Structures are given as C-alpha cells and as structure tokens.
C-alpha atoms as a PDB file:
ATOM      1  CA  UNK A   1      41.525 179.822 -32.743  1.00  0.00           C
ATOM      2  CA  UNK A   2      45.251 179.516 -33.304  1.00  0.00           C
ATOM      3  CA  UNK A   3      44.593 180.927 -36.229  1.00  0.00           C
ATOM      4  CA  UNK A   4      43.221 184.176 -34.559  1.00  0.00           C
ATOM      5  CA  UNK A   5      45.723 183.858 -30.969  1.00  0.00           C
ATOM      6  CA  UNK A   6      47.985 184.043 -33.775  1.00  0.00           C
ATOM      7  CA  UNK A   7      46.054 187.638 -36.057  1.00  0.00           C
ATOM      8  CA  UNK A   8      46.253 189.197 -31.565  1.00  0.00           C
ATOM      9  CA  UNK A   9      49.827 188.745 -31.118  1.00  0.00           C
ATOM     10  CA  UNK A  10      50.359 189.958 -34.758  1.00  0.00           C
ATOM     11  CA  UNK A  11      48.193 193.106 -33.844  1.00  0.00           C
ATOM     12  CA  UNK A  12      50.980 193.198 -30.529  1.00  0.00           C
ATOM     13  CA  UNK A  13      53.788 192.313 -31.845  1.00  0.00           C
ATOM     14  CA  UNK A  14      53.905 194.797 -34.913  1.00  0.00           C
ATOM     15  CA  UNK A  15      51.062 196.751 -35.120  1.00  0.00           C
ATOM     16  CA  UNK A  16      51.977 198.721 -38.550  1.00  0.00           C
ATOM     17  CA  UNK A  17      51.307 195.350 -40.656  1.00  0.00           C
ATOM     18  CA  UNK A  18      47.038 194.633 -39.752  1.00  0.00           C
ATOM     19  CA  UNK A  19      47.878 192.700 -42.686  1.00  0.00           C
ATOM     20  CA  UNK A  20      48.865 190.115 -41.357  1.00  0.00           C
ATOM     21  CA  UNK A  21      46.892 189.708 -38.906  1.00  0.00           C
ATOM     22  CA  UNK A  22      43.834 190.333 -41.088  1.00  0.00           C
ATOM     23  CA  UNK A  23      45.281 186.487 -42.862  1.00  0.00           C
ATOM     24  CA  UNK A  24      45.538 185.298 -39.976  1.00  0.00           C
ATOM     25  CA  UNK A  25      42.015 186.112 -38.847  1.00  0.00           C
ATOM     26  CA  UNK A  26      39.721 185.533 -42.181  1.00  0.00           C
ATOM     27  CA  UNK A  27      41.442 181.518 -41.851  1.00  0.00           C
ATOM     28  CA  UNK A  28      40.236 181.840 -38.472  1.00  0.00           C
ATOM     29  CA  UNK A  29      36.814 182.569 -39.506  1.00  0.00           C
ATOM     30  CA  UNK A  30      37.367 180.098 -43.047  1.00  0.00           C
ATOM     31  CA  UNK A  31      37.513 177.208 -40.468  1.00  0.00           C
ATOM     32  CA  UNK A  32      35.442 178.129 -38.063  1.00  0.00           C
ATOM     33  CA  UNK A  33      33.136 177.959 -40.997  1.00  0.00           C
ATOM     34  CA  UNK A  34      34.143 174.926 -42.634  1.00  0.00           C
ATOM     35  CA  UNK A  35      33.785 173.096 -39.057  1.00  0.00           C
ATOM     36  CA  UNK A  36      30.759 174.771 -37.989  1.00  0.00           C
ATOM     37  CA  UNK A  37      31.770 175.847 -35.043  1.00  0.00           C
ATOM     38  CA  UNK A  38      29.603 178.904 -34.546  1.00  0.00           C
ATOM     39  CA  UNK A  39      31.661 179.935 -30.620  1.00  0.00           C
ATOM     40  CA  UNK A  40      35.291 179.943 -33.202  1.00  0.00           C
ATOM     41  CA  UNK A  41      33.432 181.723 -35.842  1.00  0.00           C
ATOM     42  CA  UNK A  42      32.579 184.451 -33.535  1.00  0.00           C
ATOM     43  CA  UNK A  43      35.476 185.012 -32.054  1.00  0.00           C
ATOM     44  CA  UNK A  44      37.405 185.065 -35.208  1.00  0.00           C
ATOM     45  CA  UNK A  45      34.487 187.821 -36.610  1.00  0.00           C
ATOM     46  CA  UNK A  46      34.698 189.869 -33.891  1.00  0.00           C
ATOM     47  CA  UNK A  47      38.752 189.921 -33.616  1.00  0.00           C
ATOM     48  CA  UNK A  48      38.688 190.823 -37.396  1.00  0.00           C
ATOM     49  CA  UNK A  49      35.571 193.067 -37.228  1.00  0.00           C
ATOM     50  CA  UNK A  50      37.681 194.835 -34.250  1.00  0.00           C
ATOM     51  CA  UNK A  51      40.223 195.157 -36.515  1.00  0.00           C
ATOM     52  CA  UNK A  52      38.512 196.394 -39.768  1.00  0.00           C
ATOM     53  CA  UNK A  53      36.983 199.131 -37.498  1.00  0.00           C
ATOM     54  CA  UNK A  54      40.297 200.392 -36.171  1.00  0.00           C
ATOM     55  CA  UNK A  55      40.656 200.868 -40.409  1.00  0.00           C
ATOM     56  CA  UNK A  56      37.650 203.251 -40.488  1.00  0.00           C
ATOM     57  CA  UNK A  57      36.178 199.907 -42.178  1.00  0.00           C
ATOM     58  CA  UNK A  58      33.061 200.076 -39.760  1.00  0.00           C
ATOM     59  CA  UNK A  59      30.260 199.008 -42.522  1.00  0.00           C
ATOM     60  CA  UNK A  60      32.083 196.076 -43.401  1.00  0.00           C
ATOM     61  CA  UNK A  61      32.859 195.087 -40.080  1.00  0.00           C
ATOM     62  CA  UNK A  62      28.862 195.335 -38.684  1.00  0.00           C
ATOM     63  CA  UNK A  63      27.952 193.377 -41.443  1.00  0.00           C
ATOM     64  CA  UNK A  64      30.620 190.964 -40.803  1.00  0.00           C
ATOM     65  CA  UNK A  65      29.523 190.821 -37.516  1.00  0.00           C
ATOM     66  CA  UNK A  66      25.958 190.829 -36.958  1.00  0.00           C
ATOM     67  CA  UNK A  67      24.686 187.863 -38.132  1.00  0.00           C
ATOM     68  CA  UNK A  68      27.083 185.476 -36.683  1.00  0.00           C
ATOM     69  CA  UNK A  69      25.728 187.053 -33.097  1.00  0.00           C
ATOM     70  CA  UNK A  70      22.537 186.953 -34.519  1.00  0.00           C
ATOM     71  CA  UNK A  71      22.979 183.319 -34.979  1.00  0.00           C
ATOM     72  CA  UNK A  72      23.123 183.074 -31.608  1.00  0.00           C
ATOM     73  CA  UNK A  73      19.663 182.093 -28.792  1.00  0.00           C
ATOM     74  CA  UNK A  74      20.891 181.491 -25.810  1.00  0.00           C
ATOM     75  CA  UNK A  75      24.366 182.287 -24.005  1.00  0.00           C
ATOM     76  CA  UNK A  76      24.598 185.794 -24.176  1.00  0.00           C
ATOM     77  CA  UNK A  77      26.219 186.065 -20.267  1.00  0.00           C
ATOM     78  CA  UNK A  78      28.973 184.644 -21.783  1.00  0.00           C
ATOM     79  CA  UNK A  79      32.133 186.695 -22.401  1.00  0.00           C
ATOM     80  CA  UNK A  80      32.717 186.306 -25.933  1.00  0.00           C
ATOM     81  CA  UNK A  81      28.706 187.488 -27.042  1.00  0.00           C
ATOM     82  CA  UNK A  82      28.926 189.790 -24.588  1.00  0.00           C
ATOM     83  CA  UNK A  83      32.061 191.582 -26.057  1.00  0.00           C
ATOM     84  CA  UNK A  84      30.349 190.560 -29.783  1.00  0.00           C
ATOM     85  CA  UNK A  85      27.345 192.992 -28.382  1.00  0.00           C
ATOM     86  CA  UNK A  86      29.882 195.909 -27.402  1.00  0.00           C
ATOM     87  CA  UNK A  87      31.552 195.742 -30.420  1.00  0.00           C
ATOM     88  CA  UNK A  88      27.869 195.738 -32.401  1.00  0.00           C
ATOM     89  CA  UNK A  89      27.129 198.563 -30.216  1.00  0.00           C
ATOM     90  CA  UNK A  90      30.018 200.412 -31.126  1.00  0.00           C
ATOM     91  CA  UNK A  91      29.987 200.102 -35.086  1.00  0.00           C
ATOM     92  CA  UNK A  92      25.664 200.886 -34.865  1.00  0.00           C
ATOM     93  CA  UNK A  93      27.079 204.004 -33.966  1.00  0.00           C
ATOM     94  CA  UNK A  94      29.146 204.626 -36.702  1.00  0.00           C
ATOM     95  CA  UNK A  95      26.459 203.936 -39.184  1.00  0.00           C
END
C-alpha cells in the first residue's frame, strides 16, 4: 500500500512524470501478489489501470484489472470493488 500511495502522490505532485508513478504502482502490485494480498492487489491494479487509461492504454488496463476483479466473490459494496467496477465499465466502453 505504501508503494501505491507513493504512486498516487507522485501523480499529484509531478503529473508530467507518470513513469515514476507507474513504477510505484508496479512495485505495489508485485508485493501484493507475492503476499497473496488480493485487496491490496486490487487497489494497485486499479491505480495502475487508471494511469494506463489516461495514457491511452485502455486495452492493457482492462487486461490487468479484469482478472483481479473477477477473483472476488463477495464484498461488492466496498469502496475498492465499486471503484474497480466503475473503471472496468469505462475501460470496456473503449474496446
């Protein structure tokens, strides 16, 4: 989560350098996957997918986020899953 938050801050402070935020999000995703922490993986994937979407990389964003979201079988009223679902809707429109 620290890596993901660092990425979000980097985007706010230096939006002209999204590569640094992407690295932070990727690190967050890798750590979450190593720890089998699906909630943290979802947050990191959502942040990275949002960045990729803004960069015009919606197909890759959808391919990243969809399987992480699909893993969940409950808790769909939580903020994180609602945010991921909303982003998936936006990404699916761009197909």
